[in-house]
């Protein structure tokens, strides 16, 4: 697993998390991991707009 935060000033960021397996991700994020972000309690109040969730799968180079 790994994580990375990419900033796009003035008001955007991208948080990337990498997991060893989908099973590890499901164990952490629970049932709605495909469509709901996991937030720490109280952190949603800092957001100007709702988070969007997208998932990618690593593919070998062509």
C-alpha atoms as a PDB file:
ATOM      1  CA  UNK A   1       0.000   0.000   0.000  1.00  0.00           C
ATOM      2  CA  UNK A   2       1.071   3.541  -0.627  1.00  0.00           C
ATOM      3  CA  UNK A   3      -0.422   7.006  -0.820  1.00  0.00           C
ATOM      4  CA  UNK A   4       0.328  10.245  -2.530  1.00  0.00           C
ATOM      5  CA  UNK A   5      -1.180  13.746  -2.465  1.00  0.00           C
ATOM      6  CA  UNK A   6      -0.920  15.844  -5.617  1.00  0.00           C
ATOM      7  CA  UNK A   7      -1.753  19.550  -5.350  1.00  0.00           C
ATOM      8  CA  UNK A   8      -3.339  21.637  -8.103  1.00  0.00           C
ATOM      9  CA  UNK A   9      -3.420  25.177  -6.718  1.00  0.00           C
ATOM     10  CA  UNK A  10      -5.363  27.199  -5.966  1.00  0.00           C
ATOM     11  CA  UNK A  11      -8.119  24.874  -4.791  1.00  0.00           C
ATOM     12  CA  UNK A  12      -7.726  21.234  -5.826  1.00  0.00           C
ATOM     13  CA  UNK A  13      -5.870  18.146  -4.771  1.00  0.00           C
ATOM     14  CA  UNK A  14      -5.746  14.515  -5.769  1.00  0.00           C
ATOM     15  CA  UNK A  15      -5.284  11.839  -3.121  1.00  0.00           C
ATOM     16  CA  UNK A  16      -4.053   8.536  -4.522  1.00  0.00           C
ATOM     17  CA  UNK A  17      -4.017   5.384  -2.446  1.00  0.00           C
ATOM     18  CA  UNK A  18      -2.503   2.136  -3.655  1.00  0.00           C
ATOM     19  CA  UNK A  19      -3.549  -1.232  -2.262  1.00  0.00           C
ATOM     20  CA  UNK A  20      -1.990  -4.676  -2.526  1.00  0.00           C
ATOM     21  CA  UNK A  21      -5.340  -6.184  -3.436  1.00  0.00           C
ATOM     22  CA  UNK A  22      -8.987  -5.340  -3.833  1.00  0.00           C
ATOM     23  CA  UNK A  23      -9.654  -7.484  -0.767  1.00  0.00           C
ATOM     24  CA  UNK A  24      -7.394  -5.234   1.341  1.00  0.00           C
ATOM     25  CA  UNK A  25      -9.239  -2.163   0.086  1.00  0.00           C
ATOM     26  CA  UNK A  26     -12.654  -3.698   0.857  1.00  0.00           C
ATOM     27  CA  UNK A  27     -11.506  -4.643   4.373  1.00  0.00           C
ATOM     28  CA  UNK A  28     -10.537  -1.003   5.009  1.00  0.00           C
ATOM     29  CA  UNK A  29     -13.304   0.908   3.235  1.00  0.00           C
ATOM     30  CA  UNK A  30     -16.202  -1.540   3.731  1.00  0.00           C
ATOM     31  CA  UNK A  31     -19.277  -2.009   1.556  1.00  0.00           C
ATOM     32  CA  UNK A  32     -19.547   1.188  -0.468  1.00  0.00           C
ATOM     33  CA  UNK A  33     -15.886   1.528  -1.423  1.00  0.00           C
ATOM     34  CA  UNK A  34     -16.712   1.849  -5.132  1.00  0.00           C
ATOM     35  CA  UNK A  35     -18.868   4.957  -4.782  1.00  0.00           C
ATOM     36  CA  UNK A  36     -18.283   6.649  -1.407  1.00  0.00           C
ATOM     37  CA  UNK A  37     -15.064   8.186  -0.147  1.00  0.00           C
ATOM     38  CA  UNK A  38     -13.766   7.178   3.272  1.00  0.00           C
ATOM     39  CA  UNK A  39     -13.429  10.264   5.469  1.00  0.00           C
ATOM     40  CA  UNK A  40     -12.197  10.600   9.007  1.00  0.00           C
ATOM     41  CA  UNK A  41     -14.950  11.778  11.370  1.00  0.00           C
ATOM     42  CA  UNK A  42     -15.506  15.534  11.107  1.00  0.00           C
ATOM     43  CA  UNK A  43     -13.277  16.037   8.061  1.00  0.00           C
ATOM     44  CA  UNK A  44     -16.159  16.479   5.604  1.00  0.00           C
ATOM     45  CA  UNK A  45     -16.775  19.953   7.035  1.00  0.00           C
ATOM     46  CA  UNK A  46     -13.504  21.188   5.529  1.00  0.00           C
ATOM     47  CA  UNK A  47     -14.590  20.438   1.976  1.00  0.00           C
ATOM     48  CA  UNK A  48     -15.975  23.079  -0.367  1.00  0.00           C
ATOM     49  CA  UNK A  49     -17.690  20.427  -2.479  1.00  0.00           C
ATOM     50  CA  UNK A  50     -18.299  16.669  -2.190  1.00  0.00           C
ATOM     51  CA  UNK A  51     -15.433  14.324  -2.933  1.00  0.00           C
ATOM     52  CA  UNK A  52     -15.523  12.267  -6.113  1.00  0.00           C
ATOM     53  CA  UNK A  53     -14.304   8.692  -6.120  1.00  0.00           C
ATOM     54  CA  UNK A  54     -12.668   6.935  -9.078  1.00  0.00           C
ATOM     55  CA  UNK A  55     -10.843   3.638  -9.136  1.00  0.00           C
ATOM     56  CA  UNK A  56      -8.067   2.518 -11.439  1.00  0.00           C
ATOM     57  CA  UNK A  57      -6.342  -0.812 -11.935  1.00  0.00           C
ATOM     58  CA  UNK A  58      -2.650  -0.981 -12.719  1.00  0.00           C
ATOM     59  CA  UNK A  59      -2.032  -2.421 -16.171  1.00  0.00           C
ATOM     60  CA  UNK A  60       1.261  -3.752 -17.473  1.00  0.00           C
ATOM     61  CA  UNK A  61       3.009  -1.542 -20.062  1.00  0.00           C
ATOM     62  CA  UNK A  62       2.143  -2.362 -23.647  1.00  0.00           C
END
